[in-house]
PDB file of all heavy atoms in Angstrom:
ATOM      1  N   ALA A   1      76.783  79.631  86.930  1.00  0.00           N
ATOM      2  CA  ALA A   1      76.757  78.598  87.942  1.00  0.00           C
ATOM      3  C   ALA A   1      75.478  78.364  88.595  1.00  0.00           C
ATOM      4  O   ALA A   1      74.728  79.358  88.775  1.00  0.00           O
ATOM      5  CB  ALA A   1      77.831  78.841  88.960  1.00  0.00           C
ATOM      6  N   CYS A   2      75.086  77.126  88.959  1.00  0.00           N
ATOM      7  CA  CYS A   2      73.901  76.916  89.636  1.00  0.00           C
ATOM      8  C   CYS A   2      74.080  77.458  91.116  1.00  0.00           C
ATOM      9  O   CYS A   2      73.093  77.916  91.746  1.00  0.00           O
ATOM     10  CB  CYS A   2      73.571  75.429  89.750  1.00  0.00           C
ATOM     11  SG  CYS A   2      73.238  74.765  88.100  1.00  0.00           S
ATOM     12  N   VAL A   3      75.257  77.303  91.646  1.00  0.00           N
ATOM     13  CA  VAL A   3      75.521  77.807  93.017  1.00  0.00           C
ATOM     14  C   VAL A   3      76.887  78.576  92.917  1.00  0.00           C
ATOM     15  O   VAL A   3      77.846  77.959  92.446  1.00  0.00           O
ATOM     16  CB  VAL A   3      75.665  76.728  94.063  1.00  0.00           C
ATOM     17  CG1 VAL A   3      76.090  77.236  95.419  1.00  0.00           C
ATOM     18  CG2 VAL A   3      74.331  75.907  94.134  1.00  0.00           C
ATOM     19  N   ALA A   4      76.920  79.807  93.291  1.00  0.00           N
ATOM     20  CA  ALA A   4      78.174  80.571  93.310  1.00  0.00           C
ATOM     21  C   ALA A   4      78.370  81.149  94.732  1.00  0.00           C
ATOM     22  O   ALA A   4      77.558  81.719  95.271  1.00  0.00           O
ATOM     23  CB  ALA A   4      78.097  81.754  92.372  1.00  0.00           C
ATOM     24  N   ILE A   5      79.437  80.760  95.260  1.00  0.00           N
ATOM     25  CA  ILE A   5      79.788  81.114  96.694  1.00  0.00           C
ATOM     26  C   ILE A   5      81.086  82.025  96.659  1.00  0.00           C
ATOM     27  O   ILE A   5      82.085  81.646  96.134  1.00  0.00           O
ATOM     28  CB  ILE A   5      80.054  79.908  97.559  1.00  0.00           C
ATOM     29  CG1 ILE A   5      78.780  79.096  97.635  1.00  0.00           C
ATOM     30  CG2 ILE A   5      80.415  80.262  98.925  1.00  0.00           C
ATOM     31  CD1 ILE A   5      78.895  77.721  98.221  1.00  0.00           C
ATOM     32  N   VAL A   6      81.025  83.104  97.281  1.00  0.00           N
ATOM     33  CA  VAL A   6      82.199  84.027  97.449  1.00  0.00           C
ATOM     34  C   VAL A   6      82.514  84.010  99.010  1.00  0.00           C
ATOM     35  O   VAL A   6      81.534  84.154  99.752  1.00  0.00           O
ATOM     36  CB  VAL A   6      82.008  85.427  96.970  1.00  0.00           C
ATOM     37  CG1 VAL A   6      83.063  86.286  97.215  1.00  0.00           C
ATOM     38  CG2 VAL A   6      81.505  85.413  95.496  1.00  0.00           C
ATOM     39  N   TYR A   7      83.712  83.808  99.368  1.00  0.00           N
ATOM     40  CA  TYR A   7      84.046  83.804 100.761  1.00  0.00           C
ATOM     41  C   TYR A   7      85.334  84.645 101.085  1.00  0.00           C
ATOM     42  O   TYR A   7      86.182  84.717 100.255  1.00  0.00           O
ATOM     43  CB  TYR A   7      84.226  82.416 101.264  1.00  0.00           C
ATOM     44  CG  TYR A   7      85.239  81.600 100.545  1.00  0.00           C
ATOM     45  CD1 TYR A   7      86.556  81.563 101.046  1.00  0.00           C
ATOM     46  CD2 TYR A   7      84.996  80.830  99.434  1.00  0.00           C
ATOM     47  CE1 TYR A   7      87.477  80.768 100.331  1.00  0.00           C
ATOM     48  CE2 TYR A   7      85.947  80.157  98.708  1.00  0.00           C
ATOM     49  CZ  TYR A   7      87.214  80.033  99.263  1.00  0.00           C
ATOM     50  OH  TYR A   7      88.126  79.384  98.612  1.00  0.00           O
ATOM     51  N   ASP A   8      85.317  85.186 102.255  1.00  0.00           N
ATOM     52  CA  ASP A   8      86.505  85.952 102.732  1.00  0.00           C
ATOM     53  C   ASP A   8      86.997  85.299 103.960  1.00  0.00           C
ATOM     54  O   ASP A   8      86.317  85.187 104.957  1.00  0.00           O
ATOM     55  CB  ASP A   8      86.067  87.392 103.080  1.00  0.00           C
ATOM     56  CG  ASP A   8      87.214  88.268 103.429  1.00  0.00           C
ATOM     57  OD1 ASP A   8      88.289  87.737 103.910  1.00  0.00           O
ATOM     58  OD2 ASP A   8      87.112  89.502 103.270  1.00  0.00           O
ATOM     59  N   ILE A   9      88.192  84.681 103.863  1.00  0.00           N
ATOM     60  CA  ILE A   9      88.687  83.787 104.978  1.00  0.00           C
ATOM     61  C   ILE A   9      89.002  84.575 106.252  1.00  0.00           C
ATOM     62  O   ILE A   9      89.194  83.910 107.280  1.00  0.00           O
ATOM     63  CB  ILE A   9      89.924  82.977 104.443  1.00  0.00           C
ATOM     64  CG1 ILE A   9      91.091  83.776 104.114  1.00  0.00           C
ATOM     65  CG2 ILE A   9      89.498  82.005 103.413  1.00  0.00           C
ATOM     66  CD1 ILE A   9      92.356  82.998 103.861  1.00  0.00           C
ATOM     67  N   ASN A  10      89.236  85.853 106.173  1.00  0.00           N
ATOM     68  CA  ASN A  10      89.642  86.588 107.453  1.00  0.00           C
ATOM     69  C   ASN A  10      88.699  87.789 107.701  1.00  0.00           C
ATOM     70  O   ASN A  10      89.114  88.697 108.363  1.00  0.00           O
ATOM     71  CB  ASN A  10      91.035  87.037 107.361  1.00  0.00           C
ATOM     72  CG  ASN A  10      91.342  87.969 106.203  1.00  0.00           C
ATOM     73  OD1 ASN A  10      90.453  88.392 105.410  1.00  0.00           O
ATOM     74  ND2 ASN A  10      92.575  88.515 106.186  1.00  0.00           N
ATOM     75  N   GLY A  11      87.454  87.641 107.269  1.00  0.00           N
ATOM     76  CA  GLY A  11      86.497  88.640 107.640  1.00  0.00           C
ATOM     77  C   GLY A  11      86.823  90.113 107.155  1.00  0.00           C
ATOM     78  O   GLY A  11      87.236  90.204 105.996  1.00  0.00           O
ATOM     79  N   ASN A  12      86.728  91.158 107.917  1.00  0.00           N
ATOM     80  CA  ASN A  12      86.939  92.459 107.561  1.00  0.00           C
ATOM     81  C   ASN A  12      88.478  92.846 107.504  1.00  0.00           C
ATOM     82  O   ASN A  12      88.746  93.953 107.070  1.00  0.00           O
ATOM     83  CB  ASN A  12      86.232  93.435 108.401  1.00  0.00           C
ATOM     84  CG  ASN A  12      84.740  93.400 108.208  1.00  0.00           C
ATOM     85  OD1 ASN A  12      84.279  93.054 107.043  1.00  0.00           O
ATOM     86  ND2 ASN A  12      83.944  93.606 109.275  1.00  0.00           N
ATOM     87  N   GLN A  13      89.292  91.940 107.868  1.00  0.00           N
ATOM     88  CA  GLN A  13      90.704  92.270 107.851  1.00  0.00           C
ATOM     89  C   GLN A  13      91.254  92.426 106.451  1.00  0.00           C
ATOM     90  O   GLN A  13      90.708  91.768 105.524  1.00  0.00           O
ATOM     91  CB  GLN A  13      91.487  91.144 108.594  1.00  0.00           C
ATOM     92  CG  GLN A  13      91.248  91.026 110.029  1.00  0.00           C
ATOM     93  CD  GLN A  13      91.939  89.933 110.693  1.00  0.00           C
ATOM     94  OE1 GLN A  13      92.848  89.348 110.100  1.00  0.00           O
ATOM     95  NE2 GLN A  13      91.572  89.563 111.923  1.00  0.00           N
ATOM     96  N   LYS A  14      92.183  93.211 106.176  1.00  0.00           N
ATOM     97  CA  LYS A  14      92.738  93.362 104.823  1.00  0.00           C
ATOM     98  C   LYS A  14      93.539  92.225 104.460  1.00  0.00           C
ATOM     99  O   LYS A  14      93.921  91.390 105.317  1.00  0.00           O
ATOM    100  CB  LYS A  14      93.593  94.670 104.885  1.00  0.00           C
ATOM    101  CG  LYS A  14      92.795  95.909 105.323  1.00  0.00           C
ATOM    102  CD  LYS A  14      92.868  96.919 104.257  1.00  0.00           C
ATOM    103  CE  LYS A  14      92.118  98.151 104.640  1.00  0.00           C
ATOM    104  NZ  LYS A  14      90.894  98.397 104.117  1.00  0.00           N
ATOM    105  N   PRO A  15      93.853  91.963 103.246  1.00  0.00           N
ATOM    106  CA  PRO A  15      93.779  92.886 102.126  1.00  0.00           C
ATOM    107  C   PRO A  15      92.411  92.866 101.418  1.00  0.00           C
ATOM    108  O   PRO A  15      92.269  93.766 100.533  1.00  0.00           O
ATOM    109  CB  PRO A  15      94.928  92.347 101.197  1.00  0.00           C
ATOM    110  CG  PRO A  15      94.944  90.955 101.414  1.00  0.00           C
ATOM    111  CD  PRO A  15      94.604  90.650 102.865  1.00  0.00           C
ATOM    112  N   ASN A  16      91.605  91.921 101.628  1.00  0.00           N
ATOM    113  CA  ASN A  16      90.298  91.794 100.934  1.00  0.00           C
ATOM    114  C   ASN A  16      90.474  91.852  99.404  1.00  0.00           C
ATOM    115  O   ASN A  16      89.917  92.702  98.697  1.00  0.00           O
ATOM    116  CB  ASN A  16      89.342  93.005 101.380  1.00  0.00           C
ATOM    117  CG  ASN A  16      88.927  92.788 102.765  1.00  0.00           C
ATOM    118  OD1 ASN A  16      88.769  91.645 103.262  1.00  0.00           O
ATOM    119  ND2 ASN A  16      88.708  93.874 103.545  1.00  0.00           N
ATOM    120  N   GLU A  17      91.275  90.930  98.935  1.00  0.00           N
ATOM    121  CA  GLU A  17      91.633  90.793  97.522  1.00  0.00           C
ATOM    122  C   GLU A  17      91.431  89.413  97.031  1.00  0.00           C
ATOM    123  O   GLU A  17      91.810  88.464  97.736  1.00  0.00           O
ATOM    124  CB  GLU A  17      93.044  91.237  97.240  1.00  0.00           C
ATOM    125  CG  GLU A  17      93.335  92.758  97.418  1.00  0.00           C
ATOM    126  CD  GLU A  17      94.712  93.131  97.123  1.00  0.00           C
ATOM    127  OE1 GLU A  17      95.390  92.467  96.287  1.00  0.00           O
ATOM    128  OE2 GLU A  17      95.233  94.100  97.622  1.00  0.00           O
ATOM    129  N   VAL A  18      90.849  89.311  95.909  1.00  0.00           N
ATOM    130  CA  VAL A  18      90.579  87.977  95.245  1.00  0.00           C
ATOM    131  C   VAL A  18      92.047  87.346  95.057  1.00  0.00           C
ATOM    132  O   VAL A  18      92.965  87.949  94.711  1.00  0.00           O
ATOM    133  CB  VAL A  18      89.919  88.127  93.933  1.00  0.00           C
ATOM    134  CG1 VAL A  18      89.912  86.823  93.148  1.00  0.00           C
ATOM    135  CG2 VAL A  18      88.523  88.785  94.057  1.00  0.00           C
ATOM    136  N   GLY A  19      92.076  86.044  95.430  1.00  0.00           N
ATOM    137  CA  GLY A  19      93.246  85.264  95.289  1.00  0.00           C
ATOM    138  C   GLY A  19      94.133  85.336  96.515  1.00  0.00           C
ATOM    139  O   GLY A  19      95.064  84.630  96.691  1.00  0.00           O
ATOM    140  N   LYS A  20      93.924  86.316  97.385  1.00  0.00           N
ATOM    141  CA  LYS A  20      94.696  86.405  98.648  1.00  0.00           C
ATOM    142  C   LYS A  20      93.813  85.989  99.875  1.00  0.00           C
ATOM    143  O   LYS A  20      94.193  85.005 100.512  1.00  0.00           O
ATOM    144  CB  LYS A  20      95.211  87.858  98.821  1.00  0.00           C
ATOM    145  CG  LYS A  20      96.212  88.197  97.798  1.00  0.00           C
ATOM    146  CD  LYS A  20      96.864  89.563  98.116  1.00  0.00           C
ATOM    147  CE  LYS A  20      97.985  89.849  97.057  1.00  0.00           C
ATOM    148  NZ  LYS A  20      98.535  91.125  97.204  1.00  0.00           N
ATOM    149  N   ASP A  21      92.717  86.663 100.183  1.00  0.00           N
ATOM    150  CA  ASP A  21      91.819  86.213 101.213  1.00  0.00           C
ATOM    151  C   ASP A  21      90.386  86.116 100.790  1.00  0.00           C
ATOM    152  O   ASP A  21      89.543  85.804 101.590  1.00  0.00           O
ATOM    153  CB  ASP A  21      92.028  87.130 102.459  1.00  0.00           C
ATOM    154  CG  ASP A  21      91.488  88.607 102.170  1.00  0.00           C
ATOM    155  OD1 ASP A  21      91.512  88.993 101.021  1.00  0.00           O
ATOM    156  OD2 ASP A  21      91.203  89.275 103.143  1.00  0.00           O
ATOM    157  N   ILE A  22      90.118  86.449  99.537  1.00  0.00           N
ATOM    158  CA  ILE A  22      88.757  86.221  98.947  1.00  0.00           C
ATOM    159  C   ILE A  22      88.852  85.112  97.894  1.00  0.00           C
ATOM    160  O   ILE A  22      89.710  85.199  97.054  1.00  0.00           O
ATOM    161  CB  ILE A  22      88.224  87.542  98.383  1.00  0.00           C
ATOM    162  CG1 ILE A  22      88.077  88.570  99.388  1.00  0.00           C
ATOM    163  CG2 ILE A  22      86.903  87.235  97.650  1.00  0.00           C
ATOM    164  CD1 ILE A  22      87.555  89.945  98.988  1.00  0.00           C
ATOM    165  N   GLY A  23      87.931  84.161  98.046  1.00  0.00           N
ATOM    166  CA  GLY A  23      87.899  83.039  97.074  1.00  0.00           C
ATOM    167  C   GLY A  23      86.482  82.802  96.542  1.00  0.00           C
ATOM    168  O   GLY A  23      85.525  83.480  97.005  1.00  0.00           O
ATOM    169  N   GLU A  24      86.378  81.953  95.665  1.00  0.00           N
ATOM    170  CA  GLU A  24      85.127  81.681  95.063  1.00  0.00           C
ATOM    171  C   GLU A  24      84.957  80.126  94.831  1.00  0.00           C
ATOM    172  O   GLU A  24      86.029  79.403  94.708  1.00  0.00           O
ATOM    173  CB  GLU A  24      84.878  82.308  93.716  1.00  0.00           C
ATOM    174  CG  GLU A  24      85.826  81.808  92.639  1.00  0.00           C
ATOM    175  CD  GLU A  24      85.525  82.490  91.264  1.00  0.00           C
ATOM    176  OE1 GLU A  24      84.337  82.629  90.917  1.00  0.00           O
ATOM    177  OE2 GLU A  24      86.479  82.902  90.597  1.00  0.00           O
ATOM    178  N   LEU A  25      83.781  79.630  94.884  1.00  0.00           N
ATOM    179  CA  LEU A  25      83.482  78.241  94.541  1.00  0.00           C
ATOM    180  C   LEU A  25      82.201  78.218  93.765  1.00  0.00           C
ATOM    181  O   LEU A  25      81.134  78.746  94.222  1.00  0.00           O
ATOM    182  CB  LEU A  25      83.378  77.452  95.887  1.00  0.00           C
ATOM    183  CG  LEU A  25      83.134  75.941  95.721  1.00  0.00           C
ATOM    184  CD1 LEU A  25      84.206  75.250  95.051  1.00  0.00           C
ATOM    185  CD2 LEU A  25      82.890  75.327  97.047  1.00  0.00           C
ATOM    186  N   ASN A  26      82.233  77.686  92.619  1.00  0.00           N
ATOM    187  CA  ASN A  26      81.060  77.498  91.743  1.00  0.00           C
ATOM    188  C   ASN A  26      80.684  76.080  91.611  1.00  0.00           C
ATOM    189  O   ASN A  26      81.529  75.258  91.456  1.00  0.00           O
ATOM    190  CB  ASN A  26      81.325  78.129  90.413  1.00  0.00           C
ATOM    191  CG  ASN A  26      81.555  79.603  90.396  1.00  0.00           C
ATOM    192  OD1 ASN A  26      80.761  80.338  91.043  1.00  0.00           O
ATOM    193  ND2 ASN A  26      82.531  80.074  89.732  1.00  0.00           N
ATOM    194  N   ALA A  27      79.350  75.850  91.564  1.00  0.00           N
ATOM    195  CA  ALA A  27      78.827  74.431  91.251  1.00  0.00           C
ATOM    196  C   ALA A  27      77.995  74.665  90.058  1.00  0.00           C
ATOM    197  O   ALA A  27      77.020  75.369  90.034  1.00  0.00           O
ATOM    198  CB  ALA A  27      78.113  73.876  92.456  1.00  0.00           C
ATOM    199  N   VAL A  28      78.328  73.829  89.066  1.00  0.00           N
ATOM    200  CA  VAL A  28      77.636  73.940  87.750  1.00  0.00           C
ATOM    201  C   VAL A  28      77.157  72.557  87.357  1.00  0.00           C
ATOM    202  O   VAL A  28      77.853  71.594  87.495  1.00  0.00           O
ATOM    203  CB  VAL A  28      78.525  74.456  86.608  1.00  0.00           C
ATOM    204  CG1 VAL A  28      77.819  74.572  85.280  1.00  0.00           C
ATOM    205  CG2 VAL A  28      79.183  75.774  87.054  1.00  0.00           C
ATOM    206  N   LEU A  29      75.923  72.443  86.852  1.00  0.00           N
ATOM    207  CA  LEU A  29      75.380  71.237  86.396  1.00  0.00           C
ATOM    208  C   LEU A  29      76.162  70.858  85.093  1.00  0.00           C
ATOM    209  O   LEU A  29      76.257  71.678  84.207  1.00  0.00           O
ATOM    210  CB  LEU A  29      73.897  71.297  86.015  1.00  0.00           C
ATOM    211  CG  LEU A  29      72.976  71.461  87.260  1.00  0.00           C
ATOM    212  CD1 LEU A  29      71.527  71.711  86.785  1.00  0.00           C
ATOM    213  CD2 LEU A  29      73.040  70.278  88.113  1.00  0.00           C
ATOM    214  N   GLY A  30      76.643  69.636  85.134  1.00  0.00           N
ATOM    215  CA  GLY A  30      77.451  69.192  84.020  1.00  0.00           C
ATOM    216  C   GLY A  30      76.629  68.500  82.976  1.00  0.00           C
ATOM    217  O   GLY A  30      75.447  68.201  83.258  1.00  0.00           O
ATOM    218  N   ASP A  31      77.153  68.244  81.713  1.00  0.00           N
ATOM    219  CA  ASP A  31      76.404  67.507  80.768  1.00  0.00           C
ATOM    220  C   ASP A  31      76.478  66.045  80.943  1.00  0.00           C
ATOM    221  O   ASP A  31      75.671  65.356  80.287  1.00  0.00           O
ATOM    222  CB  ASP A  31      77.005  67.943  79.372  1.00  0.00           C
ATOM    223  CG  ASP A  31      76.768  69.440  79.129  1.00  0.00           C
ATOM    224  OD1 ASP A  31      75.787  69.968  79.610  1.00  0.00           O
ATOM    225  OD2 ASP A  31      77.540  69.986  78.348  1.00  0.00           O
ATOM    226  N   ASP A  32      77.374  65.515  81.688  1.00  0.00           N
ATOM    227  CA  ASP A  32      77.636  64.046  81.693  1.00  0.00           C
ATOM    228  C   ASP A  32      77.330  63.490  83.074  1.00  0.00           C
ATOM    229  O   ASP A  32      78.160  62.766  83.701  1.00  0.00           O
ATOM    230  CB  ASP A  32      79.066  63.758  81.274  1.00  0.00           C
ATOM    231  CG  ASP A  32      80.138  64.542  82.165  1.00  0.00           C
ATOM    232  OD1 ASP A  32      79.759  65.279  82.996  1.00  0.00           O
ATOM    233  OD2 ASP A  32      81.274  64.110  82.003  1.00  0.00           O
ATOM    234  N   ASP A  33      76.123  63.699  83.626  1.00  0.00           N
ATOM    235  CA  ASP A  33      75.636  63.093  84.801  1.00  0.00           C
ATOM    236  C   ASP A  33      76.522  63.463  86.019  1.00  0.00           C
ATOM    237  O   ASP A  33      76.715  62.648  86.890  1.00  0.00           O
ATOM    238  CB  ASP A  33      75.662  61.554  84.759  1.00  0.00           C
ATOM    239  CG  ASP A  33      74.566  61.056  83.737  1.00  0.00           C
ATOM    240  OD1 ASP A  33      73.528  61.820  83.558  1.00  0.00           O
ATOM    241  OD2 ASP A  33      74.713  60.029  83.169  1.00  0.00           O
ATOM    242  N   CYS A  34      77.027  64.710  85.972  1.00  0.00           N
ATOM    243  CA  CYS A  34      77.832  65.182  87.156  1.00  0.00           C
ATOM    244  C   CYS A  34      77.639  66.635  87.382  1.00  0.00           C
ATOM    245  O   CYS A  34      76.998  67.341  86.606  1.00  0.00           O
ATOM    246  CB  CYS A  34      79.321  64.936  87.025  1.00  0.00           C
ATOM    247  SG  CYS A  34      80.130  65.911  85.803  1.00  0.00           S
ATOM    248  N   ILE A  35      77.925  67.001  88.621  1.00  0.00           N
ATOM    249  CA  ILE A  35      77.840  68.398  89.031  1.00  0.00           C
ATOM    250  C   ILE A  35      79.218  68.966  89.337  1.00  0.00           C
ATOM    251  O   ILE A  35      79.965  68.344  90.136  1.00  0.00           O
ATOM    252  CB  ILE A  35      76.915  68.569  90.297  1.00  0.00           C
ATOM    253  CG1 ILE A  35      75.511  68.094  89.954  1.00  0.00           C
ATOM    254  CG2 ILE A  35      76.893  69.933  90.824  1.00  0.00           C
ATOM    255  CD1 ILE A  35      74.584  68.041  91.144  1.00  0.00           C
ATOM    256  N   GLN A  36      79.653  69.914  88.616  1.00  0.00           N
ATOM    257  CA  GLN A  36      81.009  70.537  88.723  1.00  0.00           C
ATOM    258  C   GLN A  36      81.057  71.410  89.975  1.00  0.00           C
ATOM    259  O   GLN A  36      80.238  72.268  90.150  1.00  0.00           O
ATOM    260  CB  GLN A  36      81.275  71.402  87.482  1.00  0.00           C
ATOM    261  CG  GLN A  36      82.685  71.817  87.405  1.00  0.00           C
ATOM    262  CD  GLN A  36      83.561  70.799  86.875  1.00  0.00           C
ATOM    263  OE1 GLN A  36      83.236  69.937  86.061  1.00  0.00           O
ATOM    264  NE2 GLN A  36      84.912  70.785  87.339  1.00  0.00           N
ATOM    265  N   VAL A  37      82.014  71.063  90.839  1.00  0.00           N
ATOM    266  CA  VAL A  37      82.232  71.837  92.013  1.00  0.00           C
ATOM    267  C   VAL A  37      83.718  72.138  92.077  1.00  0.00           C
ATOM    268  O   VAL A  37      84.550  71.334  92.300  1.00  0.00           O
ATOM    269  CB  VAL A  37      81.891  71.017  93.343  1.00  0.00           C
ATOM    270  CG1 VAL A  37      82.169  71.794  94.613  1.00  0.00           C
ATOM    271  CG2 VAL A  37      80.425  70.522  93.271  1.00  0.00           C
ATOM    272  N   GLY A  38      84.009  73.392  91.741  1.00  0.00           N
ATOM    273  CA  GLY A  38      85.403  73.846  91.554  1.00  0.00           C
ATOM    274  C   GLY A  38      85.987  73.004  90.416  1.00  0.00           C
ATOM    275  O   GLY A  38      85.407  72.877  89.358  1.00  0.00           O
ATOM    276  N   SER A  39      87.086  72.271  90.666  1.00  0.00           N
ATOM    277  CA  SER A  39      87.728  71.568  89.593  1.00  0.00           C
ATOM    278  C   SER A  39      87.261  70.080  89.592  1.00  0.00           C
ATOM    279  O   SER A  39      87.701  69.299  88.846  1.00  0.00           O
ATOM    280  CB  SER A  39      89.240  71.626  89.735  1.00  0.00           C
ATOM    281  OG  SER A  39      89.579  70.990  90.996  1.00  0.00           O
ATOM    282  N   LEU A  40      86.417  69.687  90.543  1.00  0.00           N
ATOM    283  CA  LEU A  40      85.874  68.417  90.676  1.00  0.00           C
ATOM    284  C   LEU A  40      84.570  68.239  90.091  1.00  0.00           C
ATOM    285  O   LEU A  40      83.752  69.177  89.966  1.00  0.00           O
ATOM    286  CB  LEU A  40      85.713  68.009  92.123  1.00  0.00           C
ATOM    287  CG  LEU A  40      86.976  68.062  93.017  1.00  0.00           C
ATOM    288  CD1 LEU A  40      86.666  67.878  94.466  1.00  0.00           C
ATOM    289  CD2 LEU A  40      87.974  67.048  92.556  1.00  0.00           C
ATOM    290  N   CYS A  41      84.231  67.063  89.552  1.00  0.00           N
ATOM    291  CA  CYS A  41      82.878  66.791  89.025  1.00  0.00           C
ATOM    292  C   CYS A  41      82.241  65.595  89.829  1.00  0.00           C
ATOM    293  O   CYS A  41      82.793  64.394  89.754  1.00  0.00           O
ATOM    294  CB  CYS A  41      82.997  66.305  87.554  1.00  0.00           C
ATOM    295  SG  CYS A  41      81.426  66.594  86.677  1.00  0.00           S
ATOM    296  N   PHE A  42      81.312  65.798  90.699  1.00  0.00           N
ATOM    297  CA  PHE A  42      80.637  64.770  91.549  1.00  0.00           C
ATOM    298  C   PHE A  42      79.494  64.227  90.693  1.00  0.00           C
ATOM    299  O   PHE A  42      78.703  64.878  90.086  1.00  0.00           O
ATOM    300  CB  PHE A  42      80.091  65.404  92.803  1.00  0.00           C
ATOM    301  CG  PHE A  42      81.118  65.585  93.827  1.00  0.00           C
ATOM    302  CD1 PHE A  42      81.830  66.799  93.823  1.00  0.00           C
ATOM    303  CD2 PHE A  42      81.483  64.711  94.746  1.00  0.00           C
ATOM    304  CE1 PHE A  42      82.834  67.083  94.758  1.00  0.00           C
ATOM    305  CE2 PHE A  42      82.449  64.866  95.668  1.00  0.00           C
ATOM    306  CZ  PHE A  42      83.100  66.116  95.708  1.00  0.00           C
ATOM    307  N   ALA A  43      79.352  62.884  90.813  1.00  0.00           N
ATOM    308  CA  ALA A  43      78.248  62.168  90.155  1.00  0.00           C
ATOM    309  C   ALA A  43      76.968  62.760  90.741  1.00  0.00           C
ATOM    310  O   ALA A  43      76.803  63.081  91.934  1.00  0.00           O
ATOM    311  CB  ALA A  43      78.316  60.690  90.352  1.00  0.00           C
TER     312      ALA A  43
END
């Protein structure tokens, strides 16, 4: 990814597990005049 963001929605509180309170968001340069942000592709 061109930009990879990892976030924890509740700070140091448990469970600190991916899919529960830890998420990710990637932005990737696309081949067709767009930038992929998660499941979206922005011009």
